Amino acid sequence: MKNFKSLEKALLYFHQKGFATEFKISFDTITCVDKNLQYDTFDFDVLSTHEAEDDGDTLHYFLVQTNDGKKGYMLNDYGPDSDPVSIEMIDKLQLKNLSKLD
């Protein structure tokens, strides 16, 4: 897992590696923010996880690739204010502790 000192540095790193699309985690899907496309848990792979500091909080990033080839990132803060997610989504995100990327 790669750790970043800021949100800005993390996003720049992801963009340089080809992960420029932002996805948002929903209950049992992820949504491509700029195109409003949704993907179920079986329609994408989590390639790696990372952390970044943002105003004293640790944020978790997931690099993903969809079954139709879109590459991007998702952000999750795992706090009490975060949206609920399905058991399938939790399983999908927790099972990916080892990076498939160098």
N, C-alpha and C. Protein backbone atom coordinates (compact mmCIF):
# COMPACT_ATOMS: atom_id res chain seq x y z
N MET A 1 0.85 -1.17 0.00
CA MET A 1 0.00 0.00 0.00
C MET A 1 0.90 1.23 0.00
N LYS A 2 0.58 2.17 -0.87
CA LYS A 2 1.33 3.42 -0.95
C LYS A 2 0.62 4.46 -0.11
N ASN A 3 1.37 5.18 0.72
CA ASN A 3 0.81 6.24 1.55
C ASN A 3 1.21 7.59 0.97
N PHE A 4 0.27 8.53 0.96
CA PHE A 4 0.50 9.86 0.43
C PHE A 4 0.35 10.89 1.55
N LYS A 5 1.08 12.00 1.42
CA LYS A 5 1.02 13.05 2.43
C LYS A 5 -0.11 14.04 2.19
N SER A 6 -0.75 13.98 1.01
CA SER A 6 -1.87 14.88 0.74
C SER A 6 -2.79 14.27 -0.32
N LEU A 7 -4.01 14.75 -0.32
CA LEU A 7 -4.99 14.35 -1.33
C LEU A 7 -4.52 14.75 -2.72
N GLU A 8 -3.98 15.93 -2.85
CA GLU A 8 -3.50 16.43 -4.13
C GLU A 8 -2.41 15.52 -4.72
N LYS A 9 -1.45 15.12 -3.89
CA LYS A 9 -0.38 14.24 -4.36
C LYS A 9 -0.91 12.87 -4.78
N ALA A 10 -1.88 12.37 -4.05
CA ALA A 10 -2.46 11.08 -4.39
C ALA A 10 -3.17 11.14 -5.74
N LEU A 11 -3.98 12.18 -5.94
CA LEU A 11 -4.72 12.30 -7.20
C LEU A 11 -3.78 12.49 -8.39
N LEU A 12 -2.71 13.25 -8.20
CA LEU A 12 -1.72 13.43 -9.26
C LEU A 12 -1.06 12.10 -9.60
N TYR A 13 -0.68 11.34 -8.60
CA TYR A 13 -0.06 10.03 -8.80
C TYR A 13 -1.00 9.10 -9.58
N PHE A 14 -2.26 9.05 -9.15
CA PHE A 14 -3.24 8.18 -9.83
C PHE A 14 -3.41 8.59 -11.29
N HIS A 15 -3.51 9.89 -11.53
CA HIS A 15 -3.71 10.38 -12.90
C HIS A 15 -2.53 9.99 -13.78
N GLN A 16 -1.31 10.12 -13.27
CA GLN A 16 -0.12 9.76 -14.04
C GLN A 16 -0.06 8.27 -14.35
N LYS A 17 -0.67 7.46 -13.52
CA LYS A 17 -0.71 6.01 -13.74
C LYS A 17 -1.91 5.59 -14.59
N GLY A 18 -2.71 6.56 -15.05
CA GLY A 18 -3.84 6.25 -15.91
C GLY A 18 -5.16 6.06 -15.19
N PHE A 19 -5.19 6.36 -13.90
CA PHE A 19 -6.41 6.20 -13.10
C PHE A 19 -7.02 7.58 -12.84
N ALA A 20 -7.55 8.19 -13.89
CA ALA A 20 -8.04 9.56 -13.79
C ALA A 20 -9.54 9.66 -13.55
N THR A 21 -10.28 8.59 -13.75
CA THR A 21 -11.73 8.62 -13.60
C THR A 21 -12.11 8.49 -12.13
N GLU A 22 -12.99 9.38 -11.67
CA GLU A 22 -13.45 9.31 -10.29
C GLU A 22 -14.71 8.46 -10.21
N PHE A 23 -14.71 7.52 -9.28
CA PHE A 23 -15.87 6.69 -9.00
C PHE A 23 -16.35 6.99 -7.59
N LYS A 24 -17.64 6.85 -7.39
CA LYS A 24 -18.22 7.03 -6.06
C LYS A 24 -18.83 5.71 -5.62
N ILE A 25 -18.60 5.34 -4.36
CA ILE A 25 -19.14 4.11 -3.81
C ILE A 25 -20.58 4.36 -3.39
N SER A 26 -21.47 3.51 -3.86
CA SER A 26 -22.86 3.52 -3.42
C SER A 26 -23.11 2.25 -2.63
N PHE A 27 -24.34 1.99 -2.28
CA PHE A 27 -24.66 0.84 -1.45
C PHE A 27 -24.11 -0.47 -2.03
N ASP A 28 -24.47 -0.79 -3.25
CA ASP A 28 -23.99 -2.03 -3.86
C ASP A 28 -23.44 -1.83 -5.27
N THR A 29 -23.09 -0.58 -5.59
CA THR A 29 -22.52 -0.26 -6.90
C THR A 29 -21.43 0.80 -6.74
N ILE A 30 -20.69 1.01 -7.83
CA ILE A 30 -19.86 2.20 -7.93
C ILE A 30 -20.37 2.98 -9.13
N THR A 31 -20.24 4.29 -9.08
CA THR A 31 -20.73 5.15 -10.15
C THR A 31 -19.58 5.98 -10.69
N CYS A 32 -19.45 6.00 -12.02
CA CYS A 32 -18.49 6.86 -12.70
C CYS A 32 -19.05 8.27 -12.63
N VAL A 33 -18.40 9.17 -11.91
CA VAL A 33 -18.94 10.49 -11.61
C VAL A 33 -19.21 11.31 -12.86
N ASP A 34 -18.27 11.38 -13.79
CA ASP A 34 -18.44 12.25 -14.95
C ASP A 34 -19.40 11.70 -16.00
N LYS A 35 -19.63 10.40 -16.05
CA LYS A 35 -20.52 9.82 -17.06
C LYS A 35 -21.78 9.22 -16.47
N ASN A 36 -21.88 9.21 -15.15
CA ASN A 36 -23.03 8.67 -14.44
C ASN A 36 -23.34 7.21 -14.84
N LEU A 37 -22.29 6.42 -15.02
CA LEU A 37 -22.43 5.00 -15.31
C LEU A 37 -22.27 4.22 -14.01
N GLN A 38 -23.11 3.20 -13.81
CA GLN A 38 -23.02 2.40 -12.59
C GLN A 38 -22.49 1.01 -12.90
N TYR A 39 -21.74 0.47 -11.92
CA TYR A 39 -21.18 -0.87 -12.04
C TYR A 39 -21.48 -1.64 -10.76
N ASP A 40 -22.00 -2.85 -10.91
CA ASP A 40 -22.22 -3.73 -9.76
C ASP A 40 -20.88 -4.28 -9.27
N THR A 41 -20.89 -4.92 -8.12
CA THR A 41 -19.64 -5.42 -7.54
C THR A 41 -18.93 -6.43 -8.45
N PHE A 42 -19.66 -7.14 -9.28
CA PHE A 42 -19.03 -8.11 -10.18
C PHE A 42 -18.57 -7.48 -11.49
N ASP A 43 -18.80 -6.17 -11.68
CA ASP A 43 -18.43 -5.47 -12.91
C ASP A 43 -17.13 -4.67 -12.79
N PHE A 44 -16.41 -4.79 -11.68
CA PHE A 44 -15.14 -4.08 -11.54
C PHE A 44 -14.21 -4.87 -10.62
N ASP A 45 -12.91 -4.59 -10.76
CA ASP A 45 -11.89 -5.18 -9.89
C ASP A 45 -11.18 -4.08 -9.13
N VAL A 46 -10.87 -4.34 -7.88
CA VAL A 46 -10.04 -3.44 -7.09
C VAL A 46 -8.60 -3.89 -7.32
N LEU A 47 -7.77 -2.99 -7.86
CA LEU A 47 -6.40 -3.33 -8.19
C LEU A 47 -5.44 -3.05 -7.06
N SER A 48 -5.71 -2.01 -6.27
CA SER A 48 -4.85 -1.70 -5.13
C SER A 48 -5.54 -0.72 -4.20
N THR A 49 -5.02 -0.64 -2.98
CA THR A 49 -5.53 0.30 -2.00
C THR A 49 -4.39 1.20 -1.53
N HIS A 50 -4.74 2.42 -1.16
CA HIS A 50 -3.75 3.41 -0.73
C HIS A 50 -4.36 4.28 0.36
N GLU A 51 -3.51 5.04 1.05
CA GLU A 51 -3.96 6.00 2.05
C GLU A 51 -3.36 7.36 1.76
N ALA A 52 -4.10 8.40 2.16
CA ALA A 52 -3.60 9.78 2.06
C ALA A 52 -4.10 10.56 3.26
N GLU A 53 -3.33 11.55 3.65
CA GLU A 53 -3.73 12.45 4.74
C GLU A 53 -4.46 13.64 4.12
N ASP A 54 -5.55 14.06 4.76
CA ASP A 54 -6.29 15.23 4.31
C ASP A 54 -6.83 15.94 5.55
N ASP A 55 -6.25 17.07 5.86
CA ASP A 55 -6.66 17.85 7.04
C ASP A 55 -6.65 17.00 8.31
N GLY A 56 -5.64 16.17 8.47
CA GLY A 56 -5.50 15.36 9.67
C GLY A 56 -6.26 14.04 9.63
N ASP A 57 -7.09 13.82 8.63
CA ASP A 57 -7.83 12.57 8.50
C ASP A 57 -7.10 11.64 7.54
N THR A 58 -7.18 10.35 7.79
CA THR A 58 -6.63 9.37 6.86
C THR A 58 -7.75 8.92 5.93
N LEU A 59 -7.52 9.07 4.64
CA LEU A 59 -8.49 8.68 3.63
C LEU A 59 -7.99 7.43 2.91
N HIS A 60 -8.89 6.56 2.55
CA HIS A 60 -8.53 5.33 1.85
C HIS A 60 -8.98 5.42 0.39
N TYR A 61 -8.05 5.08 -0.51
CA TYR A 61 -8.31 5.11 -1.94
C TYR A 61 -8.25 3.70 -2.48
N PHE A 62 -9.08 3.46 -3.46
CA PHE A 62 -9.08 2.18 -4.15
C PHE A 62 -8.90 2.46 -5.64
N LEU A 63 -7.90 1.85 -6.25
CA LEU A 63 -7.75 1.94 -7.70
C LEU A 63 -8.53 0.80 -8.30
N VAL A 64 -9.39 1.12 -9.26
CA VAL A 64 -10.29 0.13 -9.84
C VAL A 64 -10.22 0.13 -11.35
N GLN A 65 -10.63 -1.00 -11.91
CA GLN A 65 -10.80 -1.10 -13.35
C GLN A 65 -12.11 -1.83 -13.60
N THR A 66 -12.95 -1.24 -14.45
CA THR A 66 -14.25 -1.82 -14.75
C THR A 66 -14.12 -2.87 -15.85
N ASN A 67 -15.16 -3.69 -16.00
CA ASN A 67 -15.12 -4.74 -17.01
C ASN A 67 -15.12 -4.18 -18.44
N ASP A 68 -15.47 -2.90 -18.62
CA ASP A 68 -15.40 -2.29 -19.95
C ASP A 68 -14.15 -1.42 -20.12
N GLY A 69 -13.17 -1.55 -19.20
CA GLY A 69 -11.86 -0.94 -19.37
C GLY A 69 -11.64 0.42 -18.74
N LYS A 70 -12.62 0.99 -18.08
CA LYS A 70 -12.41 2.28 -17.42
C LYS A 70 -11.54 2.08 -16.17
N LYS A 71 -10.53 2.95 -16.03
CA LYS A 71 -9.64 2.90 -14.87
C LYS A 71 -9.80 4.17 -14.06
N GLY A 72 -9.87 4.01 -12.75
CA GLY A 72 -10.02 5.19 -11.93
C GLY A 72 -9.81 4.90 -10.46
N TYR A 73 -10.31 5.81 -9.64
CA TYR A 73 -10.11 5.72 -8.19
C TYR A 73 -11.42 5.98 -7.47
N MET A 74 -11.51 5.44 -6.25
CA MET A 74 -12.63 5.70 -5.35
C MET A 74 -12.04 6.12 -4.02
N LEU A 75 -12.77 6.94 -3.32
CA LEU A 75 -12.36 7.43 -2.02
C LEU A 75 -13.39 6.97 -1.01
N ASN A 76 -12.93 6.50 0.15
CA ASN A 76 -13.85 6.13 1.22
C ASN A 76 -13.24 6.56 2.53
N ASP A 77 -14.05 7.23 3.38
CA ASP A 77 -13.52 7.74 4.65
C ASP A 77 -13.90 6.87 5.85
N TYR A 78 -14.76 5.87 5.69
CA TYR A 78 -15.11 4.92 6.74
C TYR A 78 -15.52 5.57 8.06
N GLY A 79 -16.16 6.70 8.02
CA GLY A 79 -16.58 7.35 9.26
C GLY A 79 -18.04 7.14 9.54
N PRO A 80 -18.50 7.65 10.69
CA PRO A 80 -19.91 7.52 11.04
C PRO A 80 -20.83 8.26 10.08
N ASP A 81 -20.29 9.24 9.35
CA ASP A 81 -21.09 9.98 8.38
C ASP A 81 -21.07 9.36 6.99
N SER A 82 -20.32 8.28 6.80
CA SER A 82 -20.24 7.67 5.48
C SER A 82 -21.53 6.92 5.16
N ASP A 83 -21.80 6.78 3.88
CA ASP A 83 -23.00 6.09 3.42
C ASP A 83 -22.87 4.59 3.68
N PRO A 84 -24.00 3.91 3.94
CA PRO A 84 -23.94 2.46 4.14
C PRO A 84 -23.62 1.74 2.83
N VAL A 85 -22.96 0.59 2.95
CA VAL A 85 -22.65 -0.24 1.78
C VAL A 85 -23.08 -1.67 2.05
N SER A 86 -23.27 -2.41 0.98
CA SER A 86 -23.72 -3.80 1.09
C SER A 86 -22.60 -4.71 1.58
N ILE A 87 -22.97 -5.89 2.04
CA ILE A 87 -21.99 -6.91 2.44
C ILE A 87 -21.10 -7.27 1.25
N GLU A 88 -21.68 -7.35 0.06
CA GLU A 88 -20.90 -7.68 -1.14
C GLU A 88 -19.83 -6.62 -1.40
N MET A 89 -20.19 -5.34 -1.21
CA MET A 89 -19.22 -4.27 -1.44
C MET A 89 -18.13 -4.31 -0.37
N ILE A 90 -18.50 -4.54 0.87
CA ILE A 90 -17.50 -4.66 1.95
C ILE A 90 -16.53 -5.79 1.64
N ASP A 91 -17.07 -6.94 1.24
CA ASP A 91 -16.21 -8.08 0.89
C ASP A 91 -15.28 -7.73 -0.26
N LYS A 92 -15.80 -7.06 -1.27
CA LYS A 92 -15.00 -6.71 -2.45
C LYS A 92 -13.84 -5.79 -2.05
N LEU A 93 -14.10 -4.83 -1.18
CA LEU A 93 -13.07 -3.88 -0.79
C LEU A 93 -12.09 -4.44 0.22
N GLN A 94 -12.53 -5.29 1.14
CA GLN A 94 -11.66 -5.83 2.18
C GLN A 94 -10.78 -6.97 1.68
N LEU A 95 -11.17 -7.66 0.67
CA LEU A 95 -10.38 -8.79 0.18
C LEU A 95 -9.18 -8.35 -0.62
N LYS A 96 -9.06 -7.05 -0.92
CA LYS A 96 -7.99 -6.57 -1.77
C LYS A 96 -6.91 -5.86 -0.96
N ASN A 97 -6.25 -6.57 -0.08
CA ASN A 97 -5.21 -5.95 0.75
C ASN A 97 -3.86 -5.92 0.05
N LEU A 98 -3.64 -6.77 -0.93
CA LEU A 98 -2.37 -6.81 -1.63
C LEU A 98 -2.53 -6.15 -2.99
N SER A 99 -1.57 -5.32 -3.34
CA SER A 99 -1.62 -4.59 -4.58
C SER A 99 -1.33 -5.50 -5.77
N LYS A 100 -2.09 -5.31 -6.85
CA LYS A 100 -1.80 -5.98 -8.12
C LYS A 100 -0.95 -5.09 -8.99
N LEU A 101 -0.65 -3.88 -8.51
CA LEU A 101 0.18 -2.93 -9.26
C LEU A 101 1.52 -2.79 -8.57
N ASP A 102 2.53 -2.43 -9.33
CA ASP A 102 3.86 -2.17 -8.75
C ASP A 102 3.94 -0.75 -8.26
